[in-house]
Amino acid sequence: MEVIRSNFKDNLNKVYEAIEESDFLAIDGEFSGISDGPSVSALTNGFDTPEERYQKLKKLRSVALNLQKS
């Protein structure tokens, strides 16, 4: 299941149930939210340096929710 901003509320109870039934929980937060916006190919091009590509993706990524352990 892919949970994104537009379907978060609809899937929240399913997530809670899955967590309760699970023996462990793993969350991949790398580039969270990147698929919730323009495609990577629309943001970058073959002429971008690695640093330029990183900065463009980082800027897009900064609007996504970060999960933190407190």
N, C-alpha and C. Protein backbone atom coordinates (compact mmCIF):
# COMPACT_ATOMS: atom_id res chain seq x y z
N MET A 1 0.85 -1.16 0.00
CA MET A 1 0.00 0.00 0.00
C MET A 1 0.90 1.23 0.00
N GLU A 2 0.59 2.19 -0.84
CA GLU A 2 1.32 3.45 -0.85
C GLU A 2 0.44 4.51 -0.20
N VAL A 3 0.91 5.05 0.89
CA VAL A 3 0.17 6.08 1.61
C VAL A 3 0.81 7.42 1.29
N ILE A 4 0.03 8.29 0.67
CA ILE A 4 0.51 9.63 0.32
C ILE A 4 -0.48 10.65 0.87
N ARG A 5 -0.15 11.90 0.70
CA ARG A 5 -0.97 12.97 1.28
C ARG A 5 -2.44 12.84 0.90
N SER A 6 -2.72 12.52 -0.35
CA SER A 6 -4.12 12.50 -0.81
C SER A 6 -4.93 11.32 -0.27
N ASN A 7 -4.28 10.24 0.18
CA ASN A 7 -5.05 9.10 0.70
C ASN A 7 -4.71 8.78 2.15
N PHE A 8 -4.00 9.67 2.82
CA PHE A 8 -3.55 9.41 4.19
C PHE A 8 -4.71 9.13 5.14
N LYS A 9 -5.69 10.03 5.18
CA LYS A 9 -6.81 9.86 6.11
C LYS A 9 -7.60 8.59 5.83
N ASP A 10 -7.78 8.26 4.56
CA ASP A 10 -8.54 7.06 4.19
C ASP A 10 -7.83 5.78 4.63
N ASN A 11 -6.51 5.80 4.72
CA ASN A 11 -5.75 4.60 5.03
C ASN A 11 -5.22 4.55 6.46
N LEU A 12 -5.45 5.57 7.25
CA LEU A 12 -4.86 5.62 8.58
C LEU A 12 -5.28 4.46 9.47
N ASN A 13 -6.55 4.08 9.46
CA ASN A 13 -6.99 2.95 10.28
C ASN A 13 -6.34 1.64 9.84
N LYS A 14 -6.15 1.46 8.53
CA LYS A 14 -5.46 0.26 8.02
C LYS A 14 -4.03 0.23 8.52
N VAL A 15 -3.39 1.38 8.54
CA VAL A 15 -2.01 1.46 9.03
C VAL A 15 -1.96 1.09 10.51
N TYR A 16 -2.84 1.67 11.31
CA TYR A 16 -2.89 1.33 12.74
C TYR A 16 -3.09 -0.17 12.95
N GLU A 17 -4.01 -0.76 12.21
CA GLU A 17 -4.28 -2.19 12.33
C GLU A 17 -3.06 -3.02 11.94
N ALA A 18 -2.41 -2.64 10.87
CA ALA A 18 -1.22 -3.37 10.42
C ALA A 18 -0.10 -3.28 11.45
N ILE A 19 0.06 -2.12 12.07
CA ILE A 19 1.10 -1.96 13.10
C ILE A 19 0.79 -2.85 14.30
N GLU A 20 -0.45 -2.86 14.72
CA GLU A 20 -0.85 -3.68 15.87
C GLU A 20 -0.62 -5.17 15.62
N GLU A 21 -0.81 -5.62 14.39
CA GLU A 21 -0.66 -7.03 14.04
C GLU A 21 0.77 -7.42 13.71
N SER A 22 1.66 -6.46 13.60
CA SER A 22 3.03 -6.72 13.15
C SER A 22 3.96 -7.11 14.28
N ASP A 23 4.98 -7.90 13.92
CA ASP A 23 6.05 -8.22 14.86
C ASP A 23 7.12 -7.14 14.85
N PHE A 24 7.26 -6.44 13.74
CA PHE A 24 8.22 -5.34 13.64
C PHE A 24 7.69 -4.33 12.63
N LEU A 25 8.28 -3.15 12.63
CA LEU A 25 7.85 -2.07 11.75
C LEU A 25 9.07 -1.46 11.09
N ALA A 26 9.04 -1.33 9.78
CA ALA A 26 10.11 -0.68 9.03
C ALA A 26 9.47 0.40 8.15
N ILE A 27 10.06 1.57 8.19
CA ILE A 27 9.56 2.68 7.38
C ILE A 27 10.70 3.20 6.53
N ASP A 28 10.50 3.22 5.23
CA ASP A 28 11.50 3.76 4.31
C ASP A 28 11.17 5.22 4.09
N GLY A 29 11.94 6.09 4.69
CA GLY A 29 11.68 7.51 4.59
C GLY A 29 12.54 8.22 3.57
N GLU A 30 13.39 7.48 2.87
CA GLU A 30 14.26 8.10 1.87
C GLU A 30 13.42 8.63 0.72
N PHE A 31 13.53 9.89 0.46
CA PHE A 31 12.78 10.57 -0.59
C PHE A 31 11.27 10.43 -0.41
N SER A 32 10.81 10.40 0.85
CA SER A 32 9.36 10.38 1.08
C SER A 32 8.72 11.56 0.39
N GLY A 33 7.60 11.30 -0.28
CA GLY A 33 6.87 12.37 -0.92
C GLY A 33 7.33 12.73 -2.30
N ILE A 34 8.39 12.12 -2.78
CA ILE A 34 8.91 12.50 -4.09
C ILE A 34 7.94 12.12 -5.20
N SER A 35 7.14 11.06 -4.99
CA SER A 35 6.19 10.67 -6.03
C SER A 35 4.90 11.47 -5.94
N ASP A 36 4.80 12.34 -4.95
CA ASP A 36 3.59 13.14 -4.76
C ASP A 36 3.69 14.50 -5.44
N GLY A 37 4.65 14.63 -6.37
CA GLY A 37 4.84 15.89 -7.06
C GLY A 37 5.27 15.62 -8.49
N PRO A 38 5.96 16.57 -9.09
CA PRO A 38 6.42 16.37 -10.47
C PRO A 38 7.40 15.20 -10.55
N SER A 39 7.46 14.58 -11.71
CA SER A 39 8.36 13.44 -11.86
C SER A 39 9.81 13.91 -11.80
N VAL A 40 10.68 13.00 -11.41
CA VAL A 40 12.11 13.31 -11.31
C VAL A 40 12.63 13.79 -12.66
N SER A 41 12.19 13.16 -13.74
CA SER A 41 12.68 13.55 -15.07
C SER A 41 12.21 14.95 -15.46
N ALA A 42 11.09 15.41 -14.89
CA ALA A 42 10.63 16.77 -15.18
C ALA A 42 11.45 17.81 -14.42
N LEU A 43 12.07 17.39 -13.33
CA LEU A 43 12.85 18.32 -12.51
C LEU A 43 14.31 18.38 -12.92
N THR A 44 14.82 17.29 -13.43
CA THR A 44 16.25 17.21 -13.73
C THR A 44 16.45 16.92 -15.21
N ASN A 45 17.68 17.10 -15.66
CA ASN A 45 17.99 16.76 -17.05
C ASN A 45 19.39 16.18 -17.12
N GLY A 46 19.77 15.71 -18.26
CA GLY A 46 21.07 15.06 -18.44
C GLY A 46 22.25 16.00 -18.30
N PHE A 47 22.00 17.29 -18.25
CA PHE A 47 23.08 18.26 -18.13
C PHE A 47 23.32 18.70 -16.69
N ASP A 48 22.44 18.29 -15.78
CA ASP A 48 22.63 18.64 -14.37
C ASP A 48 23.85 17.93 -13.81
N THR A 49 24.58 18.64 -12.98
CA THR A 49 25.67 18.00 -12.24
C THR A 49 25.02 17.19 -11.11
N PRO A 50 25.75 16.26 -10.52
CA PRO A 50 25.18 15.53 -9.39
C PRO A 50 24.70 16.49 -8.28
N GLU A 51 25.45 17.55 -8.03
CA GLU A 51 25.05 18.51 -7.00
C GLU A 51 23.75 19.22 -7.38
N GLU A 52 23.59 19.62 -8.64
CA GLU A 52 22.36 20.28 -9.08
C GLU A 52 21.16 19.34 -8.96
N ARG A 53 21.35 18.10 -9.38
CA ARG A 53 20.27 17.10 -9.27
C ARG A 53 19.88 16.91 -7.81
N TYR A 54 20.88 16.77 -6.95
CA TYR A 54 20.62 16.59 -5.52
C TYR A 54 19.84 17.78 -4.96
N GLN A 55 20.27 19.00 -5.29
CA GLN A 55 19.60 20.19 -4.76
C GLN A 55 18.16 20.29 -5.24
N LYS A 56 17.89 19.94 -6.49
CA LYS A 56 16.52 19.97 -7.01
C LYS A 56 15.64 18.95 -6.29
N LEU A 57 16.16 17.75 -6.11
CA LEU A 57 15.38 16.72 -5.42
C LEU A 57 15.22 17.05 -3.94
N LYS A 58 16.25 17.62 -3.34
CA LYS A 58 16.19 18.02 -1.93
C LYS A 58 15.11 19.08 -1.73
N LYS A 59 15.03 20.03 -2.65
CA LYS A 59 14.03 21.09 -2.54
C LYS A 59 12.62 20.50 -2.59
N LEU A 60 12.38 19.58 -3.51
CA LEU A 60 11.08 18.91 -3.59
C LEU A 60 10.82 18.11 -2.33
N ARG A 61 11.82 17.41 -1.86
CA ARG A 61 11.70 16.54 -0.69
C ARG A 61 11.38 17.32 0.57
N SER A 62 11.81 18.57 0.65
CA SER A 62 11.67 19.34 1.88
C SER A 62 10.22 19.61 2.25
N VAL A 63 9.29 19.43 1.33
CA VAL A 63 7.88 19.65 1.65
C VAL A 63 7.22 18.39 2.21
N ALA A 64 7.90 17.27 2.17
CA ALA A 64 7.34 16.01 2.65
C ALA A 64 7.52 15.90 4.16
N LEU A 65 6.67 15.11 4.78
CA LEU A 65 6.72 14.90 6.21
C LEU A 65 7.93 14.06 6.59
N ASN A 66 8.68 14.53 7.56
CA ASN A 66 9.78 13.74 8.10
C ASN A 66 9.32 13.08 9.38
N LEU A 67 9.66 11.83 9.54
CA LEU A 67 9.32 11.10 10.75
C LEU A 67 10.50 11.17 11.70
N GLN A 68 10.24 11.44 12.95
CA GLN A 68 11.31 11.55 13.92
C GLN A 68 10.96 10.74 15.16
N LYS A 69 11.98 10.13 15.71
CA LYS A 69 11.82 9.42 16.98
C LYS A 69 12.11 10.41 18.08
N SER A 70 11.19 10.52 19.03
CA SER A 70 11.42 11.47 20.12
C SER A 70 11.72 10.76 21.42
